[in-house]
Amino acid sequence: MRLRHIAGVLSNVAEGMHAATRELHDADLACLGTSKLTESARNLNAQWGFGAAKLRDAHEQMSFGLRSAADLYAAAEEFNARSLGGGR
């Protein structure tokens, strides 16, 4: 079902964002040179991490919603088929 595919894609995007954020967090920013550059990189890292976490949460919620919609649609389709004398 197409909704499940889209939910899977969103889930993969969320996982990828989490991995990228973790790598950025684990990076040794002190090796950049000056303390001002290191401080700026750390600030960017914190802002990126916050924004990426919000996007990741949104992707996960959309993925859950799409999977739930797919499940409900399949259940309604099966119910309607049985009600009309069909069945699978």
PDB file of N, CA and C in Angstrom:
ATOM      1  N   MET A   1       0.844  -1.182   0.000  1.00  0.00           N
ATOM      2  CA  MET A   1       0.000   0.000   0.000  1.00  0.00           C
ATOM      3  C   MET A   1       0.887   1.243   0.000  1.00  0.00           C
ATOM      4  N   ARG A   2       0.510   2.228  -0.746  1.00  0.00           N
ATOM      5  CA  ARG A   2       1.313   3.437  -0.939  1.00  0.00           C
ATOM      6  C   ARG A   2       1.567   4.202   0.374  1.00  0.00           C
ATOM      7  N   LEU A   3       0.580   4.256   1.257  1.00  0.00           N
ATOM      8  CA  LEU A   3       0.757   4.966   2.530  1.00  0.00           C
ATOM      9  C   LEU A   3       1.868   4.333   3.356  1.00  0.00           C
ATOM     10  N   ARG A   4       1.944   3.012   3.345  1.00  0.00           N
ATOM     11  CA  ARG A   4       2.996   2.321   4.106  1.00  0.00           C
ATOM     12  C   ARG A   4       4.377   2.645   3.534  1.00  0.00           C
ATOM     13  N   HIS A   5       4.462   2.742   2.217  1.00  0.00           N
ATOM     14  CA  HIS A   5       5.743   3.076   1.586  1.00  0.00           C
ATOM     15  C   HIS A   5       6.196   4.482   2.004  1.00  0.00           C
ATOM     16  N   ILE A   6       5.272   5.426   1.940  1.00  0.00           N
ATOM     17  CA  ILE A   6       5.593   6.800   2.330  1.00  0.00           C
ATOM     18  C   ILE A   6       5.988   6.848   3.806  1.00  0.00           C
ATOM     19  N   ALA A   7       5.283   6.113   4.644  1.00  0.00           N
ATOM     20  CA  ALA A   7       5.613   6.071   6.073  1.00  0.00           C
ATOM     21  C   ALA A   7       7.016   5.504   6.269  1.00  0.00           C
ATOM     22  N   GLY A   8       7.367   4.482   5.497  1.00  0.00           N
ATOM     23  CA  GLY A   8       8.709   3.904   5.585  1.00  0.00           C
ATOM     24  C   GLY A   8       9.780   4.899   5.170  1.00  0.00           C
ATOM     25  N   VAL A   9       9.516   5.655   4.122  1.00  0.00           N
ATOM     26  CA  VAL A   9      10.460   6.677   3.663  1.00  0.00           C
ATOM     27  C   VAL A   9      10.652   7.733   4.740  1.00  0.00           C
ATOM     28  N   LEU A  10       9.555   8.197   5.322  1.00  0.00           N
ATOM     29  CA  LEU A  10       9.651   9.198   6.393  1.00  0.00           C
ATOM     30  C   LEU A  10      10.422   8.660   7.589  1.00  0.00           C
ATOM     31  N   SER A  11      10.210   7.405   7.901  1.00  0.00           N
ATOM     32  CA  SER A  11      10.928   6.783   9.012  1.00  0.00           C
ATOM     33  C   SER A  11      12.422   6.732   8.715  1.00  0.00           C
ATOM     34  N   ASN A  12      12.784   6.405   7.470  1.00  0.00           N
ATOM     35  CA  ASN A  12      14.202   6.375   7.083  1.00  0.00           C
ATOM     36  C   ASN A  12      14.826   7.758   7.144  1.00  0.00           C
ATOM     37  N   VAL A  13      14.068   8.779   6.735  1.00  0.00           N
ATOM     38  CA  VAL A  13      14.565  10.154   6.810  1.00  0.00           C
ATOM     39  C   VAL A  13      14.832  10.537   8.261  1.00  0.00           C
ATOM     40  N   ALA A  14      13.910  10.181   9.146  1.00  0.00           N
ATOM     41  CA  ALA A  14      14.077  10.491  10.572  1.00  0.00           C
ATOM     42  C   ALA A  14      15.318   9.802  11.130  1.00  0.00           C
ATOM     43  N   GLU A  15      15.532   8.551  10.754  1.00  0.00           N
ATOM     44  CA  GLU A  15      16.717   7.823  11.221  1.00  0.00           C
ATOM     45  C   GLU A  15      18.000   8.462  10.690  1.00  0.00           C
ATOM     46  N   GLY A  16      17.980   8.871   9.418  1.00  0.00           N
ATOM     47  CA  GLY A  16      19.151   9.518   8.830  1.00  0.00           C
ATOM     48  C   GLY A  16      19.471  10.845   9.494  1.00  0.00           C
ATOM     49  N   MET A  17      18.444  11.611   9.806  1.00  0.00           N
ATOM     50  CA  MET A  17      18.669  12.882  10.492  1.00  0.00           C
ATOM     51  C   MET A  17      19.241  12.655  11.881  1.00  0.00           C
ATOM     52  N   HIS A  18      18.753  11.622  12.548  1.00  0.00           N
ATOM     53  CA  HIS A  18      19.262  11.315  13.880  1.00  0.00           C
ATOM     54  C   HIS A  18      20.738  10.928  13.799  1.00  0.00           C
ATOM     55  N   ALA A  19      21.108  10.118  12.821  1.00  0.00           N
ATOM     56  CA  ALA A  19      22.508   9.702  12.662  1.00  0.00           C
ATOM     57  C   ALA A  19      23.403  10.902  12.346  1.00  0.00           C
ATOM     58  N   ALA A  20      22.947  11.797  11.460  1.00  0.00           N
ATOM     59  CA  ALA A  20      23.740  12.976  11.112  1.00  0.00           C
ATOM     60  C   ALA A  20      23.916  13.895  12.317  1.00  0.00           C
ATOM     61  N   THR A  21      22.877  14.070  13.085  1.00  0.00           N
ATOM     62  CA  THR A  21      22.953  14.909  14.279  1.00  0.00           C
ATOM     63  C   THR A  21      23.915  14.310  15.295  1.00  0.00           C
ATOM     64  N   ARG A  22      23.859  12.995  15.450  1.00  0.00           N
ATOM     65  CA  ARG A  22      24.764  12.311  16.384  1.00  0.00           C
ATOM     66  C   ARG A  22      26.223  12.471  15.947  1.00  0.00           C
ATOM     67  N   GLU A  23      26.490  12.350  14.636  1.00  0.00           N
ATOM     68  CA  GLU A  23      27.853  12.522  14.131  1.00  0.00           C
ATOM     69  C   GLU A  23      28.346  13.939  14.358  1.00  0.00           C
ATOM     70  N   LEU A  24      27.494  14.919  14.113  1.00  0.00           N
ATOM     71  CA  LEU A  24      27.880  16.309  14.336  1.00  0.00           C
ATOM     72  C   LEU A  24      28.155  16.553  15.814  1.00  0.00           C
ATOM     73  N   HIS A  25      27.320  15.983  16.664  1.00  0.00           N
ATOM     74  CA  HIS A  25      27.500  16.135  18.109  1.00  0.00           C
ATOM     75  C   HIS A  25      28.826  15.505  18.571  1.00  0.00           C
ATOM     76  N   ASP A  26      29.185  14.379  17.975  1.00  0.00           N
ATOM     77  CA  ASP A  26      30.398  13.664  18.374  1.00  0.00           C
ATOM     78  C   ASP A  26      31.674  14.235  17.761  1.00  0.00           C
ATOM     79  N   ALA A  27      31.542  15.163  16.827  1.00  0.00           N
ATOM     80  CA  ALA A  27      32.711  15.731  16.157  1.00  0.00           C
ATOM     81  C   ALA A  27      33.569  16.518  17.148  1.00  0.00           C
ATOM     82  N   ASP A  28      34.882  16.487  16.930  1.00  0.00           N
ATOM     83  CA  ASP A  28      35.810  17.226  17.776  1.00  0.00           C
ATOM     84  C   ASP A  28      35.939  18.642  17.239  1.00  0.00           C
ATOM     85  N   LEU A  29      35.122  19.532  17.758  1.00  0.00           N
ATOM     86  CA  LEU A  29      35.090  20.901  17.256  1.00  0.00           C
ATOM     87  C   LEU A  29      36.267  21.732  17.743  1.00  0.00           C
ATOM     88  N   ALA A  30      36.951  21.265  18.768  1.00  0.00           N
ATOM     89  CA  ALA A  30      38.082  22.022  19.300  1.00  0.00           C
ATOM     90  C   ALA A  30      39.244  22.068  18.310  1.00  0.00           C
ATOM     91  N   CYS A  31      39.279  21.168  17.359  1.00  0.00           N
ATOM     92  CA  CYS A  31      40.393  21.128  16.410  1.00  0.00           C
ATOM     93  C   CYS A  31      40.218  22.124  15.262  1.00  0.00           C
ATOM     94  N   LEU A  32      39.216  22.960  15.315  1.00  0.00           N
ATOM     95  CA  LEU A  32      38.966  23.905  14.232  1.00  0.00           C
ATOM     96  C   LEU A  32      39.961  25.065  14.219  1.00  0.00           C
ATOM     97  N   GLY A  33      40.636  25.296  15.314  1.00  0.00           N
ATOM     98  CA  GLY A  33      41.624  26.375  15.349  1.00  0.00           C
ATOM     99  C   GLY A  33      41.348  27.332  16.483  1.00  0.00           C
ATOM    100  N   THR A  34      40.781  28.480  16.168  1.00  0.00           N
ATOM    101  CA  THR A  34      40.582  29.514  17.172  1.00  0.00           C
ATOM    102  C   THR A  34      39.402  29.189  18.080  1.00  0.00           C
ATOM    103  N   SER A  35      39.439  29.760  19.260  1.00  0.00           N
ATOM    104  CA  SER A  35      38.356  29.527  20.212  1.00  0.00           C
ATOM    105  C   SER A  35      37.047  30.143  19.715  1.00  0.00           C
ATOM    106  N   LYS A  36      37.134  31.264  18.997  1.00  0.00           N
ATOM    107  CA  LYS A  36      35.920  31.904  18.462  1.00  0.00           C
ATOM    108  C   LYS A  36      35.259  31.005  17.410  1.00  0.00           C
ATOM    109  N   LEU A  37      36.049  30.398  16.551  1.00  0.00           N
ATOM    110  CA  LEU A  37      35.507  29.489  15.544  1.00  0.00           C
ATOM    111  C   LEU A  37      34.913  28.245  16.201  1.00  0.00           C
ATOM    112  N   THR A  38      35.595  27.736  17.208  1.00  0.00           N
ATOM    113  CA  THR A  38      35.085  26.570  17.936  1.00  0.00           C
ATOM    114  C   THR A  38      33.763  26.903  18.618  1.00  0.00           C
ATOM    115  N   GLU A  39      33.689  28.080  19.251  1.00  0.00           N
ATOM    116  CA  GLU A  39      32.451  28.500  19.920  1.00  0.00           C
ATOM    117  C   GLU A  39      31.308  28.652  18.911  1.00  0.00           C
ATOM    118  N   SER A  40      31.593  29.252  17.769  1.00  0.00           N
ATOM    119  CA  SER A  40      30.569  29.419  16.726  1.00  0.00           C
ATOM    120  C   SER A  40      30.090  28.060  16.218  1.00  0.00           C
ATOM    121  N   ALA A  41      31.012  27.133  16.022  1.00  0.00           N
ATOM    122  CA  ALA A  41      30.655  25.790  15.552  1.00  0.00           C
ATOM    123  C   ALA A  41      29.806  25.068  16.599  1.00  0.00           C
ATOM    124  N   ARG A  42      30.128  25.241  17.858  1.00  0.00           N
ATOM    125  CA  ARG A  42      29.331  24.610  18.919  1.00  0.00           C
ATOM    126  C   ARG A  42      27.923  25.198  18.978  1.00  0.00           C
ATOM    127  N   ASN A  43      27.812  26.519  18.789  1.00  0.00           N
ATOM    128  CA  ASN A  43      26.487  27.155  18.764  1.00  0.00           C
ATOM    129  C   ASN A  43      25.662  26.645  17.583  1.00  0.00           C
ATOM    130  N   LEU A  44      26.299  26.554  16.413  1.00  0.00           N
ATOM    131  CA  LEU A  44      25.609  26.023  15.245  1.00  0.00           C
ATOM    132  C   LEU A  44      25.181  24.584  15.487  1.00  0.00           C
ATOM    133  N   ASN A  45      26.057  23.812  16.094  1.00  0.00           N
ATOM    134  CA  ASN A  45      25.766  22.410  16.409  1.00  0.00           C
ATOM    135  C   ASN A  45      24.532  22.310  17.312  1.00  0.00           C
ATOM    136  N   ALA A  46      24.471  23.156  18.324  1.00  0.00           N
ATOM    137  CA  ALA A  46      23.334  23.127  19.253  1.00  0.00           C
ATOM    138  C   ALA A  46      22.043  23.510  18.532  1.00  0.00           C
ATOM    139  N   GLN A  47      22.094  24.553  17.702  1.00  0.00           N
ATOM    140  CA  GLN A  47      20.902  24.982  16.967  1.00  0.00           C
ATOM    141  C   GLN A  47      20.471  23.922  15.959  1.00  0.00           C
ATOM    142  N   TRP A  48      21.442  23.354  15.255  1.00  0.00           N
ATOM    143  CA  TRP A  48      21.136  22.301  14.282  1.00  0.00           C
ATOM    144  C   TRP A  48      20.501  21.112  14.997  1.00  0.00           C
ATOM    145  N   GLY A  49      21.086  20.727  16.121  1.00  0.00           N
ATOM    146  CA  GLY A  49      20.559  19.585  16.866  1.00  0.00           C
ATOM    147  C   GLY A  49      19.125  19.803  17.309  1.00  0.00           C
ATOM    148  N   PHE A  50      18.822  20.999  17.768  1.00  0.00           N
ATOM    149  CA  PHE A  50      17.460  21.316  18.199  1.00  0.00           C
ATOM    150  C   PHE A  50      16.491  21.239  17.019  1.00  0.00           C
ATOM    151  N   GLY A  51      16.849  21.888  15.914  1.00  0.00           N
ATOM    152  CA  GLY A  51      15.984  21.893  14.740  1.00  0.00           C
ATOM    153  C   GLY A  51      15.826  20.502  14.143  1.00  0.00           C
ATOM    154  N   ALA A  52      16.921  19.758  14.066  1.00  0.00           N
ATOM    155  CA  ALA A  52      16.864  18.405  13.509  1.00  0.00           C
ATOM    156  C   ALA A  52      15.997  17.494  14.378  1.00  0.00           C
ATOM    157  N   ALA A  53      16.067  17.671  15.689  1.00  0.00           N
ATOM    158  CA  ALA A  53      15.233  16.861  16.593  1.00  0.00           C
ATOM    159  C   ALA A  53      13.749  17.161  16.364  1.00  0.00           C
ATOM    160  N   LYS A  54      13.421  18.429  16.156  1.00  0.00           N
ATOM    161  CA  LYS A  54      12.028  18.802  15.878  1.00  0.00           C
ATOM    162  C   LYS A  54      11.556  18.179  14.558  1.00  0.00           C
ATOM    163  N   LEU A  55      12.396  18.258  13.525  1.00  0.00           N
ATOM    164  CA  LEU A  55      12.044  17.656  12.239  1.00  0.00           C
ATOM    165  C   LEU A  55      11.921  16.141  12.347  1.00  0.00           C
ATOM    166  N   ARG A  56      12.837  15.526  13.083  1.00  0.00           N
ATOM    167  CA  ARG A  56      12.797  14.073  13.268  1.00  0.00           C
ATOM    168  C   ARG A  56      11.498  13.658  13.969  1.00  0.00           C
ATOM    169  N   ASP A  57      11.128  14.402  15.000  1.00  0.00           N
ATOM    170  CA  ASP A  57       9.879  14.104  15.711  1.00  0.00           C
ATOM    171  C   ASP A  57       8.673  14.236  14.775  1.00  0.00           C
ATOM    172  N   ALA A  58       8.684  15.270  13.942  1.00  0.00           N
ATOM    173  CA  ALA A  58       7.575  15.467  12.998  1.00  0.00           C
ATOM    174  C   ALA A  58       7.518  14.317  11.993  1.00  0.00           C
ATOM    175  N   HIS A  59       8.675  13.887  11.498  1.00  0.00           N
ATOM    176  CA  HIS A  59       8.711  12.753  10.562  1.00  0.00           C
ATOM    177  C   HIS A  59       8.169  11.491  11.219  1.00  0.00           C
ATOM    178  N   GLU A  60       8.569  11.266  12.451  1.00  0.00           N
ATOM    179  CA  GLU A  60       8.095  10.067  13.160  1.00  0.00           C
ATOM    180  C   GLU A  60       6.591  10.118  13.380  1.00  0.00           C
ATOM    181  N   GLN A  61       6.061  11.279  13.734  1.00  0.00           N
ATOM    182  CA  GLN A  61       4.617  11.420  13.940  1.00  0.00           C
ATOM    183  C   GLN A  61       3.855  11.232  12.636  1.00  0.00           C
ATOM    184  N   MET A  62       4.366  11.792  11.538  1.00  0.00           N
ATOM    185  CA  MET A  62       3.706  11.614  10.248  1.00  0.00           C
ATOM    186  C   MET A  62       3.756  10.148   9.823  1.00  0.00           C
ATOM    187  N   SER A  63       4.885   9.507  10.062  1.00  0.00           N
ATOM    188  CA  SER A  63       5.027   8.092   9.712  1.00  0.00           C
ATOM    189  C   SER A  63       4.022   7.245  10.486  1.00  0.00           C
ATOM    190  N   PHE A  64       3.888   7.500  11.770  1.00  0.00           N
ATOM    191  CA  PHE A  64       2.920   6.777  12.598  1.00  0.00           C
ATOM    192  C   PHE A  64       1.495   7.026  12.100  1.00  0.00           C
ATOM    193  N   GLY A  65       1.185   8.291  11.792  1.00  0.00           N
ATOM    194  CA  GLY A  65      -0.149   8.638  11.308  1.00  0.00           C
ATOM    195  C   GLY A  65      -0.472   7.958   9.986  1.00  0.00           C
ATOM    196  N   LEU A  66       0.497   7.912   9.080  1.00  0.00           N
ATOM    197  CA  LEU A  66       0.268   7.256   7.790  1.00  0.00           C
ATOM    198  C   LEU A  66       0.082   5.755   7.943  1.00  0.00           C
ATOM    199  N   ARG A  67       0.872   5.138   8.815  1.00  0.00           N
ATOM    200  CA  ARG A  67       0.706   3.701   9.063  1.00  0.00           C
ATOM    201  C   ARG A  67      -0.665   3.416   9.673  1.00  0.00           C
ATOM    202  N   SER A  68      -1.083   4.262  10.605  1.00  0.00           N
ATOM    203  CA  SER A  68      -2.401   4.097  11.220  1.00  0.00           C
ATOM    204  C   SER A  68      -3.502   4.262  10.187  1.00  0.00           C
ATOM    205  N   ALA A  69      -3.365   5.255   9.320  1.00  0.00           N
ATOM    206  CA  ALA A  69      -4.358   5.471   8.263  1.00  0.00           C
ATOM    207  C   ALA A  69      -4.414   4.266   7.329  1.00  0.00           C
ATOM    208  N   ALA A  70      -3.254   3.707   6.997  1.00  0.00           N
ATOM    209  CA  ALA A  70      -3.219   2.530   6.123  1.00  0.00           C
ATOM    210  C   ALA A  70      -3.910   1.349   6.786  1.00  0.00           C
ATOM    211  N   ASP A  71      -3.670   1.164   8.076  1.00  0.00           N
ATOM    212  CA  ASP A  71      -4.317   0.065   8.805  1.00  0.00           C
ATOM    213  C   ASP A  71      -5.834   0.248   8.842  1.00  0.00           C
ATOM    214  N   LEU A  72      -6.288   1.473   9.133  1.00  0.00           N
ATOM    215  CA  LEU A  72      -7.726   1.749   9.178  1.00  0.00           C
ATOM    216  C   LEU A  72      -8.371   1.588   7.807  1.00  0.00           C
ATOM    217  N   TYR A  73      -7.690   2.040   6.777  1.00  0.00           N
ATOM    218  CA  TYR A  73      -8.227   1.902   5.426  1.00  0.00           C
ATOM    219  C   TYR A  73      -8.357   0.426   5.059  1.00  0.00           C
ATOM    220  N   ALA A  74      -7.340  -0.375   5.378  1.00  0.00           N
ATOM    221  CA  ALA A  74      -7.393  -1.816   5.074  1.00  0.00           C
ATOM    222  C   ALA A  74      -8.524  -2.489   5.845  1.00  0.00           C
ATOM    223  N   ALA A  75      -8.707  -2.121   7.104  1.00  0.00           N
ATOM    224  CA  ALA A  75      -9.783  -2.705   7.913  1.00  0.00           C
ATOM    225  C   ALA A  75     -11.156  -2.304   7.355  1.00  0.00           C
ATOM    226  N   ALA A  76     -11.303  -1.048   6.961  1.00  0.00           N
ATOM    227  CA  ALA A  76     -12.576  -0.586   6.398  1.00  0.00           C
ATOM    228  C   ALA A  76     -12.848  -1.271   5.063  1.00  0.00           C
ATOM    229  N   GLU A  77     -11.821  -1.440   4.262  1.00  0.00           N
ATOM    230  CA  GLU A  77     -11.975  -2.104   2.969  1.00  0.00           C
ATOM    231  C   GLU A  77     -12.408  -3.564   3.160  1.00  0.00           C
ATOM    232  N   GLU A  78     -11.788  -4.228   4.103  1.00  0.00           N
ATOM    233  CA  GLU A  78     -12.158  -5.623   4.373  1.00  0.00           C
ATOM    234  C   GLU A  78     -13.583  -5.712   4.915  1.00  0.00           C
ATOM    235  N   PHE A  79     -13.953  -4.813   5.821  1.00  0.00           N
ATOM    236  CA  PHE A  79     -15.301  -4.797   6.374  1.00  0.00           C
ATOM    237  C   PHE A  79     -16.338  -4.584   5.272  1.00  0.00           C
ATOM    238  N   ASN A  80     -16.055  -3.608   4.408  1.00  0.00           N
ATOM    239  CA  ASN A  80     -16.995  -3.328   3.310  1.00  0.00           C
ATOM    240  C   ASN A  80     -17.119  -4.519   2.365  1.00  0.00           C
ATOM    241  N   ALA A  81     -16.024  -5.166   2.072  1.00  0.00           N
ATOM    242  CA  ALA A  81     -16.060  -6.327   1.180  1.00  0.00           C
ATOM    243  C   ALA A  81     -16.894  -7.439   1.787  1.00  0.00           C
ATOM    244  N   ARG A  82     -16.728  -7.679   3.078  1.00  0.00           N
ATOM    245  CA  ARG A  82     -17.503  -8.725   3.768  1.00  0.00           C
ATOM    246  C   ARG A  82     -18.984  -8.334   3.858  1.00  0.00           C
ATOM    247  N   SER A  83     -19.243  -7.062   4.104  1.00  0.00           N
ATOM    248  CA  SER A  83     -20.631  -6.585   4.219  1.00  0.00           C
ATOM    249  C   SER A  83     -21.389  -6.724   2.905  1.00  0.00           C
ATOM    250  N   LEU A  84     -20.675  -6.601   1.824  1.00  0.00           N
ATOM    251  CA  LEU A  84     -21.307  -6.682   0.508  1.00  0.00           C
ATOM    252  C   LEU A  84     -21.314  -8.107  -0.036  1.00  0.00           C
ATOM    253  N   GLY A  85     -20.983  -9.053   0.844  1.00  0.00           N
ATOM    254  CA  GLY A  85     -21.040 -10.467   0.443  1.00  0.00           C
ATOM    255  C   GLY A  85     -19.774 -10.973  -0.203  1.00  0.00           C
ATOM    256  N   GLY A  86     -18.790 -10.137  -0.283  1.00  0.00           N
ATOM    257  CA  GLY A  86     -17.501 -10.560  -0.844  1.00  0.00           C
ATOM    258  C   GLY A  86     -16.648 -11.171   0.254  1.00  0.00           C
ATOM    259  N   GLY A  87     -15.505 -10.982   0.195  1.00  0.00           N
ATOM    260  CA  GLY A  87     -14.574 -11.497   1.197  1.00  0.00           C
ATOM    261  C   GLY A  87     -13.265 -11.810   0.543  1.00  0.00           C
ATOM    262  N   ARG A  88     -12.318 -11.970   1.375  1.00  0.00           N
ATOM    263  CA  ARG A  88     -10.993 -12.268   0.830  1.00  0.00           C
ATOM    264  C   ARG A  88     -10.528 -13.608   1.301  1.00  0.00           C
TER     265      ARG A  88
END
